[in-house]
N, C-alpha and C. Protein backbone atom coordinates (compact mmCIF):
# COMPACT_ATOMS: atom_id res chain seq x y z
N UNK A 1 3.90 15.68 26.37
CA UNK A 1 4.23 14.83 24.97
C UNK A 1 4.82 15.63 24.05
N UNK A 2 6.02 15.62 23.57
CA UNK A 2 6.74 16.37 22.29
C UNK A 2 6.25 15.77 21.05
N UNK A 3 4.92 17.11 20.82
CA UNK A 3 4.44 16.43 19.55
C UNK A 3 5.02 16.72 17.93
N UNK A 4 6.02 17.51 17.96
CA UNK A 4 6.67 18.04 17.10
C UNK A 4 8.19 17.43 16.93
N UNK A 5 8.84 16.76 17.71
CA UNK A 5 9.44 15.73 17.59
C UNK A 5 9.14 14.12 16.80
N UNK A 6 8.08 13.80 17.68
CA UNK A 6 7.25 12.86 17.17
C UNK A 6 6.46 12.59 15.65
N UNK A 7 6.33 14.12 15.48
CA UNK A 7 5.32 14.09 13.85
C UNK A 7 7.10 14.19 13.31
N UNK A 8 7.58 14.91 13.43
CA UNK A 8 8.76 14.88 12.74
C UNK A 8 9.29 13.46 11.98
N UNK A 9 9.69 12.63 13.42
CA UNK A 9 10.01 11.31 13.38
C UNK A 9 9.64 10.43 12.47
N UNK A 10 7.82 10.25 12.67
CA UNK A 10 6.92 9.24 11.84
C UNK A 10 6.89 9.85 10.25
N UNK A 11 7.11 11.37 10.19
CA UNK A 11 7.32 12.01 8.66
C UNK A 11 7.98 11.30 7.72
N UNK A 12 9.43 11.52 8.55
CA UNK A 12 10.72 11.31 8.16
C UNK A 12 11.14 9.91 7.91
N UNK A 13 10.61 9.08 8.66
CA UNK A 13 11.17 8.50 8.87
C UNK A 13 10.47 6.96 7.70
N UNK A 14 8.58 7.20 7.82
CA UNK A 14 8.36 6.81 7.06
C UNK A 14 8.35 6.98 5.36
N UNK A 15 8.28 8.08 5.24
CA UNK A 15 8.99 8.80 4.04
C UNK A 15 9.89 7.85 3.10
N UNK A 16 11.16 7.97 4.05
CA UNK A 16 12.35 7.28 3.76
C UNK A 16 12.20 6.15 3.26
N UNK A 17 11.28 5.51 4.74
CA UNK A 17 11.36 4.06 4.03
C UNK A 17 10.08 3.33 2.59
N UNK A 18 9.63 4.31 2.49
CA UNK A 18 8.70 4.37 1.38
C UNK A 18 9.38 4.28 -0.11
N UNK A 19 10.17 5.18 -0.27
CA UNK A 19 10.85 5.46 -1.29
C UNK A 19 11.64 4.41 -2.14
N UNK A 20 11.17 3.73 -3.13
CA UNK A 20 11.27 2.91 -4.00
C UNK A 20 10.59 1.29 -3.28
N UNK A 21 9.68 1.74 -2.38
CA UNK A 21 9.34 0.21 -1.84
C UNK A 21 8.42 0.02 -2.42
N UNK A 22 8.13 -1.37 -2.65
CA UNK A 22 6.84 -2.24 -3.36
C UNK A 22 5.53 -1.21 -3.19
N UNK A 23 5.62 -1.12 -2.13
CA UNK A 23 3.64 -0.10 -1.94
C UNK A 23 4.28 1.59 -2.91
N UNK A 24 4.95 1.62 -3.01
CA UNK A 24 5.36 2.62 -4.10
C UNK A 24 4.97 2.58 -5.40
N UNK A 25 5.56 1.28 -5.72
CA UNK A 25 5.13 0.77 -7.00
C UNK A 25 4.05 0.76 -7.18
N UNK A 26 3.44 -0.09 -6.45
CA UNK A 26 1.64 -0.26 -6.49
C UNK A 26 1.14 0.92 -6.68
N UNK A 27 1.48 2.08 -5.99
CA UNK A 27 0.88 3.39 -6.48
C UNK A 27 1.00 4.09 -7.72
N UNK A 28 2.26 3.51 -8.20
CA UNK A 28 2.85 4.11 -9.51
C UNK A 28 2.04 3.29 -10.48
N UNK A 29 1.67 1.99 -10.22
CA UNK A 29 0.62 1.48 -11.14
C UNK A 29 -0.73 1.57 -10.93
N UNK A 30 -1.01 2.09 -9.78
CA UNK A 30 -2.47 2.11 -9.71
C UNK A 30 -2.83 3.26 -10.54
N UNK A 31 -1.83 4.06 -10.35
CA UNK A 31 -1.97 5.72 -11.05
C UNK A 31 -2.16 5.58 -12.47
N UNK A 32 -1.71 4.47 -13.31
CA UNK A 32 -1.63 4.54 -14.38
C UNK A 32 -2.91 4.06 -14.97
N UNK A 33 -3.69 3.42 -14.19
CA UNK A 33 -4.85 2.77 -14.48
C UNK A 33 -6.37 3.78 -13.99
N UNK A 34 -5.94 4.53 -13.13
CA UNK A 34 -7.23 4.98 -12.39
C UNK A 34 -6.83 6.60 -12.20
N UNK A 35 -7.91 7.31 -11.89
CA UNK A 35 -7.63 8.89 -12.18
C UNK A 35 -6.72 8.91 -10.78
N UNK A 36 -5.75 10.08 -10.95
CA UNK A 36 -4.59 10.32 -10.11
C UNK A 36 -5.30 10.89 -8.34
N UNK A 37 -6.71 11.22 -8.49
CA UNK A 37 -7.08 11.80 -7.14
C UNK A 37 -8.03 10.87 -6.45
N UNK A 38 -8.35 9.60 -7.26
CA UNK A 38 -9.22 8.47 -7.02
C UNK A 38 -7.79 7.65 -5.90
N UNK A 39 -6.78 7.54 -6.66
CA UNK A 39 -5.75 6.55 -5.77
C UNK A 39 -4.90 7.61 -5.11
N UNK A 40 -4.66 8.75 -4.76
CA UNK A 40 -4.65 9.82 -3.73
C UNK A 40 -5.69 9.59 -2.88
N UNK A 41 -6.59 9.70 -2.72
CA UNK A 41 -7.82 9.37 -2.03
C UNK A 41 -8.02 7.79 -1.40
N UNK A 42 -7.51 6.91 -2.15
CA UNK A 42 -7.33 5.45 -1.87
C UNK A 42 -6.62 4.88 -0.99
N UNK A 43 -5.05 5.51 -1.31
CA UNK A 43 -3.88 5.37 -0.63
C UNK A 43 -4.12 5.64 0.86
N UNK A 44 -4.64 7.32 0.81
CA UNK A 44 -4.55 7.90 1.80
C UNK A 44 -5.49 7.12 3.12
N UNK A 45 -6.68 6.91 2.29
CA UNK A 45 -7.80 6.17 3.73
C UNK A 45 -7.07 4.64 3.78
N UNK A 46 -6.49 3.91 2.93
CA UNK A 46 -5.27 2.93 3.63
C UNK A 46 -4.27 3.22 4.25
N UNK A 47 -3.59 3.91 4.37
CA UNK A 47 -2.34 4.37 5.07
C UNK A 47 -3.01 5.00 6.40
N UNK A 48 -4.24 6.01 6.51
CA UNK A 48 -4.61 6.44 7.60
C UNK A 48 -5.05 4.88 8.69
N UNK A 49 -5.52 3.91 8.30
CA UNK A 49 -5.83 2.60 8.70
C UNK A 49 -4.80 1.62 9.32
N UNK A 50 -3.58 1.90 7.91
CA UNK A 50 -3.11 0.30 8.60
C UNK A 50 -2.38 1.29 9.60
N UNK A 51 -1.69 2.69 9.30
CA UNK A 51 -0.87 3.29 10.46
C UNK A 51 -1.57 3.39 11.57
N UNK A 52 -2.93 3.70 11.40
CA UNK A 52 -3.30 3.74 12.87
C UNK A 52 -3.73 1.84 13.22
N UNK A 53 -3.55 0.93 12.69
CA UNK A 53 -3.39 -0.19 13.61
C UNK A 53 -1.87 -0.42 13.96
N UNK A 54 -0.71 0.09 13.30
CA UNK A 54 0.60 0.07 13.34
C UNK A 54 0.67 0.67 15.02
N UNK A 55 0.34 1.99 15.21
CA UNK A 55 0.24 3.22 16.40
C UNK A 55 -0.33 2.11 17.19
N UNK A 56 -1.46 1.41 16.99
CA UNK A 56 -1.97 0.55 18.43
C UNK A 56 -1.44 -0.31 18.68
N UNK A 57 -0.59 -1.14 17.52
CA UNK A 57 -0.07 -2.40 18.18
C UNK A 57 1.22 -1.86 18.77
N UNK A 58 1.90 -0.37 18.30
CA UNK A 58 3.02 0.01 19.10
C UNK A 58 2.58 0.45 20.95
N UNK A 59 1.28 0.62 20.73
CA UNK A 59 0.76 0.92 22.05
C UNK A 59 0.45 -0.17 22.66
N UNK A 60 0.61 -1.63 22.52
CA UNK A 60 0.08 -2.60 23.05
C UNK A 60 1.41 -3.12 23.47
N UNK A 61 1.61 -2.71 24.96
CA UNK A 61 3.21 -3.11 25.46
C UNK A 61 3.24 -4.22 25.64
N UNK A 62 4.34 -5.23 25.21
CA UNK A 62 4.29 -6.55 25.37
C UNK A 62 3.42 -7.41 24.75
N UNK A 63 2.82 -7.19 23.74
CA UNK A 63 2.20 -8.18 22.68
C UNK A 63 3.22 -8.34 21.61
N UNK A 64 3.60 -9.56 21.11
CA UNK A 64 4.54 -10.11 19.96
C UNK A 64 3.56 -9.61 18.72
N UNK A 65 3.90 -8.95 17.68
CA UNK A 65 3.24 -8.73 16.20
C UNK A 65 3.49 -9.96 15.74
N UNK A 66 2.58 -11.22 15.25
CA UNK A 66 3.06 -12.19 14.27
C UNK A 66 3.34 -11.89 12.95
N UNK A 67 3.99 -11.09 12.67
CA UNK A 67 4.49 -10.17 11.33
C UNK A 67 4.83 -11.49 10.05
N UNK A 68 5.28 -12.85 10.56
CA UNK A 68 5.33 -13.64 9.45
C UNK A 68 4.13 -14.11 9.00
N UNK A 69 2.98 -14.01 10.08
CA UNK A 69 1.79 -14.29 9.44
C UNK A 69 1.62 -13.66 8.44
N UNK A 70 1.46 -11.97 8.94
CA UNK A 70 0.99 -11.03 7.89
C UNK A 70 1.64 -11.16 6.38
N UNK A 71 2.91 -11.39 6.69
CA UNK A 71 3.48 -11.06 5.33
C UNK A 71 3.17 -12.54 4.51
N UNK A 72 2.80 -13.37 5.14
CA UNK A 72 2.58 -14.76 4.16
C UNK A 72 1.64 -14.40 3.45
N UNK A 73 0.41 -13.83 4.09
CA UNK A 73 -1.00 -13.77 3.72
C UNK A 73 -0.73 -12.73 2.67
N UNK A 74 -0.23 -11.59 3.21
CA UNK A 74 -0.42 -10.48 2.29
C UNK A 74 0.65 -11.18 1.05
N UNK A 75 1.44 -12.01 1.07
CA UNK A 75 2.47 -12.77 0.03
C UNK A 75 1.61 -12.75 -0.98
N UNK A 76 0.29 -13.78 -0.27
CA UNK A 76 -0.59 -14.73 -1.63
C UNK A 76 -1.49 -13.97 -2.00
N UNK A 77 -1.89 -12.69 -1.08
CA UNK A 77 -2.93 -11.97 -1.66
C UNK A 77 -2.20 -11.10 -2.55
N UNK A 78 -0.90 -10.67 -2.96
CA UNK A 78 -0.37 -10.00 -3.77
C UNK A 78 -0.35 -11.05 -5.26
N UNK A 79 0.03 -12.51 -4.85
CA UNK A 79 0.04 -13.16 -6.36
C UNK A 79 -1.43 -13.09 -6.75
N UNK A 80 -2.26 -13.48 -5.90
CA UNK A 80 -3.75 -13.21 -6.20
C UNK A 80 -3.86 -11.76 -7.03
N UNK A 81 -3.36 -10.63 -6.80
CA UNK A 81 -3.86 -9.92 -7.25
C UNK A 81 -3.26 -9.90 -8.58
N UNK A 82 -2.02 -10.27 -8.63
CA UNK A 82 -0.96 -10.31 -9.91
C UNK A 82 -1.85 -10.95 -11.08
N UNK A 83 -2.39 -12.31 -10.51
CA UNK A 83 -3.31 -12.66 -11.45
C UNK A 83 -4.66 -12.47 -12.03
N UNK A 84 -4.62 -11.82 -10.79
CA UNK A 84 -6.42 -10.93 -11.76
C UNK A 84 -6.23 -9.92 -12.43
N UNK A 85 -4.65 -8.86 -12.36
CA UNK A 85 -4.28 -8.12 -13.40
C UNK A 85 -4.09 -8.55 -14.34
N UNK A 86 -3.48 -9.85 -14.79
CA UNK A 86 -3.32 -10.72 -16.02
C UNK A 86 -4.34 -11.00 -16.67
N UNK A 87 -5.53 -11.32 -15.90
CA UNK A 87 -6.84 -11.79 -16.66
C UNK A 87 -7.12 -10.45 -17.15
N UNK A 88 -7.14 -9.56 -16.39
CA UNK A 88 -7.99 -8.07 -16.64
C UNK A 88 -9.59 -8.45 -16.47
N UNK A 89 -10.02 -7.07 -16.82
CA UNK A 89 -11.28 -6.69 -16.50
C UNK A 89 -12.06 -6.43 -17.37
N UNK A 90 -12.95 -6.77 -18.29
CA UNK A 90 -13.66 -6.53 -19.46
C UNK A 90 -15.01 -6.10 -19.27
N UNK A 91 -15.48 -5.43 -19.74
CA UNK A 91 -16.94 -4.53 -19.40
C UNK A 91 -17.95 -4.48 -20.65
N UNK A 92 -18.87 -4.98 -20.78
CA UNK A 92 -19.57 -4.66 -21.71
C UNK A 92 -20.40 -3.10 -21.41
N UNK A 93 -20.83 -3.10 -22.66
CA UNK A 93 -21.92 -1.60 -23.16
C UNK A 93 -22.84 -1.47 -21.94
N UNK A 94 -23.30 -2.60 -21.40
CA UNK A 94 -24.31 -2.60 -20.39
C UNK A 94 -23.69 -2.51 -19.15
N UNK A 95 -22.70 -3.13 -18.81
CA UNK A 95 -22.11 -2.84 -17.79
C UNK A 95 -21.48 -1.58 -17.63
N UNK A 96 -20.79 -0.88 -18.80
CA UNK A 96 -20.60 0.19 -18.57
C UNK A 96 -21.34 1.18 -18.33
N UNK A 97 -22.53 0.97 -18.60
CA UNK A 97 -23.95 2.04 -18.53
C UNK A 97 -24.01 1.99 -16.93
N UNK A 98 -24.53 0.62 -16.19
CA UNK A 98 -24.50 0.53 -14.80
C UNK A 98 -23.56 1.08 -14.27
N UNK A 99 -21.85 0.56 -14.52
CA UNK A 99 -21.24 1.43 -13.63
C UNK A 99 -20.59 2.75 -13.45
N UNK A 100 -21.53 3.36 -14.46
CA UNK A 100 -21.01 4.50 -14.60
C UNK A 100 -21.18 5.61 -13.20
N UNK A 101 -22.04 4.96 -12.42
CA UNK A 101 -22.43 5.85 -11.47
C UNK A 101 -21.34 5.75 -10.30
N UNK A 102 -21.16 4.29 -10.66
CA UNK A 102 -20.56 3.98 -9.19
C UNK A 102 -19.27 3.96 -9.81
N UNK A 103 -18.63 4.23 -10.31
CA UNK A 103 -16.87 4.08 -10.98
C UNK A 103 -15.89 4.32 -10.12
N UNK A 104 -16.20 5.54 -9.82
CA UNK A 104 -15.17 6.37 -9.00
C UNK A 104 -15.13 5.59 -6.93
N UNK A 105 -16.58 5.35 -6.54
CA UNK A 105 -16.85 4.85 -5.49
C UNK A 105 -16.07 3.18 -5.67
N UNK A 106 -16.23 2.38 -6.46
CA UNK A 106 -15.51 1.26 -7.09
C UNK A 106 -14.12 1.43 -6.93
N UNK A 107 -13.40 2.19 -7.95
CA UNK A 107 -12.11 2.39 -8.17
C UNK A 107 -11.24 2.77 -6.55
N UNK A 108 -11.92 3.25 -6.08
CA UNK A 108 -11.84 4.10 -4.77
C UNK A 108 -11.29 2.78 -3.83
N UNK A 109 -12.62 2.00 -3.37
CA UNK A 109 -12.61 0.91 -3.12
C UNK A 109 -11.49 -0.28 -3.29
N UNK A 110 -11.03 -0.30 -4.40
CA UNK A 110 -10.19 -0.87 -5.20
C UNK A 110 -8.98 -0.75 -4.62
N UNK A 111 -8.83 0.69 -5.18
CA UNK A 111 -7.36 1.10 -4.50
C UNK A 111 -7.02 1.11 -3.15
N UNK A 112 -8.27 1.46 -2.36
CA UNK A 112 -7.77 1.49 -0.58
C UNK A 112 -7.26 0.10 -0.54
N UNK A 113 -8.61 -1.28 -1.21
CA UNK A 113 -8.20 -3.00 0.00
C UNK A 113 -6.81 -3.26 -0.75
N UNK A 114 -6.54 -2.79 -2.14
CA UNK A 114 -5.19 -2.97 -2.50
C UNK A 114 -3.79 -2.78 -2.14
N UNK A 115 -4.09 -1.33 -1.39
CA UNK A 115 -3.20 -0.48 -0.78
C UNK A 115 -3.09 -1.26 0.59
N UNK A 116 -4.31 -1.41 1.54
CA UNK A 116 -4.07 -1.77 2.58
C UNK A 116 -3.13 -2.92 3.07
N UNK A 117 -3.97 -4.09 2.05
CA UNK A 117 -3.10 -5.60 2.00
C UNK A 117 -1.45 -5.32 1.99
N UNK A 118 -1.39 -4.60 0.75
CA UNK A 118 0.09 -4.35 0.32
C UNK A 118 1.01 -3.60 1.60
N UNK A 119 0.14 -3.24 2.23
CA UNK A 119 1.04 -2.19 3.45
C UNK A 119 1.10 -3.21 4.85
N UNK A 120 0.25 -4.44 4.56
CA UNK A 120 0.56 -5.47 5.95
C UNK A 120 1.65 -5.89 6.10
N UNK A 121 2.36 -5.67 7.13
CA UNK A 121 3.68 -6.23 7.48
C UNK A 121 4.87 -5.83 6.76
N UNK A 122 4.46 -4.50 5.76
CA UNK A 122 5.64 -4.23 4.68
C UNK A 122 6.08 -3.22 5.68
N UNK A 123 7.53 -2.89 4.86
CA UNK A 123 8.67 -2.00 6.10
C UNK A 123 8.02 -0.87 6.69
N UNK A 124 7.49 0.03 6.14
CA UNK A 124 6.68 1.11 6.11
C UNK A 124 5.70 0.76 7.56
N UNK A 125 5.00 -0.20 7.59
CA UNK A 125 4.28 -0.74 8.76
C UNK A 125 5.33 -0.93 10.30
N UNK A 126 5.92 -1.51 9.74
CA UNK A 126 6.87 -1.88 10.72
C UNK A 126 8.00 -0.73 11.28
N UNK A 127 7.89 -0.06 10.39
CA UNK A 127 8.93 1.27 10.82
C UNK A 127 7.68 2.28 11.88
N UNK A 128 6.71 2.30 11.56
CA UNK A 128 5.79 3.11 12.29
C UNK A 128 5.45 2.58 13.70
N UNK A 129 5.40 1.49 13.81
CA UNK A 129 5.55 0.42 14.77
C UNK A 129 6.68 0.82 15.48
N UNK A 130 7.90 0.64 15.11
CA UNK A 130 8.98 0.86 15.90
C UNK A 130 8.94 2.50 16.40
N UNK A 131 8.92 3.58 15.42
CA UNK A 131 8.92 5.13 15.87
C UNK A 131 7.53 5.12 16.59
N UNK A 132 6.47 4.51 16.74
CA UNK A 132 5.28 4.48 18.08
C UNK A 132 5.56 4.05 19.25
N UNK A 133 6.75 2.99 19.24
CA UNK A 133 7.09 2.47 20.97
C UNK A 133 7.92 3.67 21.60
N UNK A 134 8.62 4.43 20.43
CA UNK A 134 9.42 5.73 20.95
C UNK A 134 9.09 6.65 21.75
N UNK A 135 7.43 7.23 20.75
CA UNK A 135 6.68 8.11 20.74
C UNK A 135 5.49 8.35 21.44
N UNK A 136 4.95 9.10 21.45
CA UNK A 136 3.31 9.10 21.34
C UNK A 136 2.93 9.11 20.34
N UNK A 137 1.41 8.25 20.43
CA UNK A 137 0.78 7.26 18.94
C UNK A 137 0.12 8.20 18.12
N UNK A 138 -0.07 9.63 18.94
CA UNK A 138 -1.07 10.62 17.68
C UNK A 138 -0.10 11.31 16.86
N UNK A 139 0.76 11.79 17.68
CA UNK A 139 1.62 12.30 16.15
C UNK A 139 2.82 11.36 15.53
N UNK A 140 2.80 10.36 15.82
CA UNK A 140 3.55 9.25 14.97
C UNK A 140 2.60 8.77 13.81
N UNK A 141 0.92 9.20 14.32
CA UNK A 141 -0.07 8.22 13.46
C UNK A 141 -0.02 9.56 12.30
N UNK A 142 0.13 10.49 12.44
CA UNK A 142 -0.29 11.54 11.55
C UNK A 142 1.02 12.08 10.71
N UNK A 143 2.20 11.74 11.31
CA UNK A 143 3.63 11.89 10.95
C UNK A 143 3.83 10.91 9.93
N UNK A 144 3.53 9.55 10.10
CA UNK A 144 3.55 8.38 9.03
C UNK A 144 2.87 8.30 7.95
N UNK A 145 1.89 9.20 8.47
CA UNK A 145 0.72 9.30 7.08
C UNK A 145 0.83 10.56 6.12
N UNK A 146 1.43 11.20 6.62
CA UNK A 146 2.03 12.42 6.09
C UNK A 146 2.75 12.04 4.95
N UNK A 147 4.08 10.97 5.49
CA UNK A 147 5.02 10.73 5.17
C UNK A 147 4.62 9.64 3.74
N UNK A 148 3.93 8.86 4.44
CA UNK A 148 3.43 7.80 3.04
C UNK A 148 2.87 8.46 2.09
N UNK A 149 1.94 9.49 2.27
CA UNK A 149 0.85 9.88 1.30
C UNK A 149 2.33 10.80 0.19
N UNK A 150 3.07 11.75 0.76
CA UNK A 150 3.76 12.63 0.09
C UNK A 150 4.81 11.59 -0.90
N UNK A 151 5.38 10.36 -0.14
CA UNK A 151 6.34 9.44 -0.96
C UNK A 151 5.55 8.82 -1.84
N UNK A 152 4.10 8.53 -1.69
CA UNK A 152 3.14 7.96 -2.88
C UNK A 152 2.81 8.73 -3.93
N UNK A 153 2.92 10.19 -3.73
CA UNK A 153 2.44 11.40 -4.41
C UNK A 153 3.13 11.35 -5.46
N UNK A 154 4.20 11.04 -4.99
CA UNK A 154 5.60 11.28 -6.25
C UNK A 154 5.24 10.16 -7.58
N UNK A 155 4.79 8.67 -6.70
CA UNK A 155 4.55 7.73 -7.57
C UNK A 155 3.31 7.77 -8.36
N UNK A 156 2.35 8.85 -8.15
CA UNK A 156 1.08 8.59 -8.58
C UNK A 156 1.17 9.76 -9.51
N UNK A 157 2.26 10.79 -9.41
CA UNK A 157 2.16 11.73 -10.15
C UNK A 157 3.20 10.97 -11.76
N UNK A 158 3.96 10.43 -11.33
CA UNK A 158 4.89 9.57 -12.51
C UNK A 158 4.02 8.46 -12.94
N UNK A 159 3.31 7.73 -12.50
CA UNK A 159 2.14 6.91 -13.27
C UNK A 159 1.21 7.48 -13.72
N UNK A 160 0.55 9.12 -13.24
CA UNK A 160 -0.33 9.10 -14.31
C UNK A 160 0.48 10.03 -15.65
N UNK A 161 1.58 10.03 -15.79
CA UNK A 161 2.07 10.48 -16.69
C UNK A 161 2.42 9.49 -17.60
N UNK A 162 3.11 8.32 -17.03
CA UNK A 162 3.74 7.45 -17.96
C UNK A 162 2.69 6.49 -18.42
N UNK A 163 1.01 6.31 -17.86
CA UNK A 163 -0.02 5.41 -17.99
C UNK A 163 -0.83 5.98 -18.89
N UNK A 164 -0.24 7.06 -19.81
CA UNK A 164 -1.16 7.88 -20.79
C UNK A 164 0.19 7.77 -22.11
N UNK A 165 1.07 7.19 -21.91
CA UNK A 165 1.90 6.98 -22.87
C UNK A 165 1.94 5.79 -23.28
N UNK A 166 1.58 4.38 -22.31
CA UNK A 166 2.15 3.60 -22.38
C UNK A 166 0.80 2.59 -22.76
N UNK A 167 0.97 1.51 -23.57
CA UNK A 167 -0.48 0.54 -23.87
C UNK A 167 -0.95 0.04 -23.09
N UNK A 168 -2.19 -0.30 -22.78
CA UNK A 168 -2.86 -0.94 -21.60
C UNK A 168 -2.48 -2.43 -21.51
N UNK A 169 -2.02 -2.88 -22.05
CA UNK A 169 -1.40 -4.20 -22.16
C UNK A 169 -0.28 -4.38 -21.41
N UNK A 170 0.68 -3.62 -21.93
CA UNK A 170 1.91 -3.39 -21.40
C UNK A 170 2.03 -3.10 -19.90
N UNK A 171 0.56 -2.37 -19.48
CA UNK A 171 1.23 -1.57 -18.02
C UNK A 171 0.34 -3.04 -17.04
N UNK A 172 -1.15 -3.51 -17.86
CA UNK A 172 -1.32 -4.71 -17.25
C UNK A 172 -0.04 -5.68 -16.84
N UNK A 173 0.35 -6.21 -17.65
CA UNK A 173 1.57 -7.40 -17.63
C UNK A 173 2.90 -6.47 -16.40
N UNK A 174 3.03 -5.49 -16.86
CA UNK A 174 4.12 -5.19 -15.63
C UNK A 174 3.75 -4.46 -14.45
N UNK A 175 2.18 -4.39 -14.21
CA UNK A 175 1.87 -4.47 -12.90
C UNK A 175 1.67 -5.85 -12.24
N UNK A 176 1.47 -6.87 -12.93
CA UNK A 176 1.35 -8.17 -12.67
C UNK A 176 2.25 -8.66 -12.31
N UNK A 177 3.53 -8.12 -12.92
CA UNK A 177 5.15 -8.99 -12.69
C UNK A 177 5.28 -8.34 -11.15
N UNK A 178 5.18 -6.88 -10.79
CA UNK A 178 5.13 -6.44 -9.77
C UNK A 178 4.71 -6.94 -8.53
N UNK A 179 3.03 -7.86 -9.02
CA UNK A 179 2.71 -8.31 -7.67
C UNK A 179 3.17 -9.82 -7.52
N UNK A 180 3.54 -9.93 -8.92
CA UNK A 180 4.34 -11.62 -8.49
C UNK A 180 5.47 -11.68 -7.94
N UNK A 181 6.56 -10.29 -8.18
CA UNK A 181 7.71 -10.31 -7.39
C UNK A 181 7.44 -9.98 -6.22
N UNK A 182 6.45 -9.10 -5.50
CA UNK A 182 6.44 -8.71 -4.41
C UNK A 182 5.98 -9.68 -3.44
N UNK A 183 4.72 -10.46 -4.31
CA UNK A 183 4.27 -11.65 -3.83
C UNK A 183 4.82 -12.83 -3.39
N UNK A 184 5.74 -13.28 -4.22
CA UNK A 184 6.63 -14.46 -4.29
C UNK A 184 7.74 -14.13 -3.00
N UNK A 185 8.16 -12.70 -2.82
CA UNK A 185 9.34 -12.44 -1.77
C UNK A 185 8.37 -12.56 -0.59
N UNK A 186 7.26 -11.97 -0.26
CA UNK A 186 7.02 -11.76 0.86
C UNK A 186 6.19 -13.40 1.04
N UNK A 187 6.06 -14.11 0.59
CA UNK A 187 5.39 -15.48 0.83
C UNK A 187 6.70 -16.12 1.30
N UNK A 188 7.81 -16.10 0.71
CA UNK A 188 9.07 -17.02 0.59
C UNK A 188 9.29 -16.32 1.99
N UNK A 189 9.51 -14.75 2.33
CA UNK A 189 9.91 -14.23 3.56
C UNK A 189 8.90 -14.96 4.95
N UNK A 190 7.97 -15.17 4.88
CA UNK A 190 6.82 -15.57 5.68
C UNK A 190 7.07 -17.19 5.61
N UNK A 191 7.34 -17.76 4.90
CA UNK A 191 7.42 -19.13 5.02
C UNK A 191 8.61 -19.41 5.46
N UNK A 192 9.78 -18.54 5.23
CA UNK A 192 11.28 -19.15 5.85
C UNK A 192 10.99 -18.94 7.55
N UNK A 193 10.66 -17.53 7.48
CA UNK A 193 10.00 -17.13 8.74
C UNK A 193 9.69 -18.28 10.00
N UNK A 194 8.54 -18.58 9.51
CA UNK A 194 7.93 -19.37 9.96
C UNK A 194 8.34 -20.85 10.15
N UNK A 195 8.98 -21.15 9.10
CA UNK A 195 10.05 -22.25 9.69
C UNK A 195 10.97 -22.20 10.58
N UNK A 196 11.41 -21.50 10.40
CA UNK A 196 12.54 -21.40 11.27
C UNK A 196 13.94 -21.26 10.87
N UNK A 197 13.93 -20.66 9.55
CA UNK A 197 15.05 -20.76 8.68
C UNK A 197 16.11 -19.52 8.46
């Protein structure tokens, strides 16, 4: 097994695929809402899971990946996230007190879930599957995770800085627009692929 070439391929391919990708924009948006270390931890957990699934798919020789269905479902979920973001979350003082001890955990789960769904059928997932068909799964898994987290760390830093200077409602609207655009594009792409157009 050529560990280092596989590690390098996974890292470089996914890092480049993630630059300017919708999930990097999601990372930026989440970092403007939650603490940077919570976003980084959530993204890392989601990336480990999604890229683990990716290399598993790559190892399953002969199985076709129904990416059009994954893309369609993820697109609809993104539209739902956009609506949820626009609605916003309002908490009473009693809710704040009850949630204080669970805040980090629930923010982590929110970030991890949003990012996991965003990654399903994404080009970085497909890039990991592609690299995984050419190299051993373990270094590709490690490399793709490192590349993804490194690219998203850049977005998290930018989001953390911008989030302190922007009004909360503006951030909500911008995040919702990103979710709607990504969700609409993914839903359209999945639907067109399924219909054979």
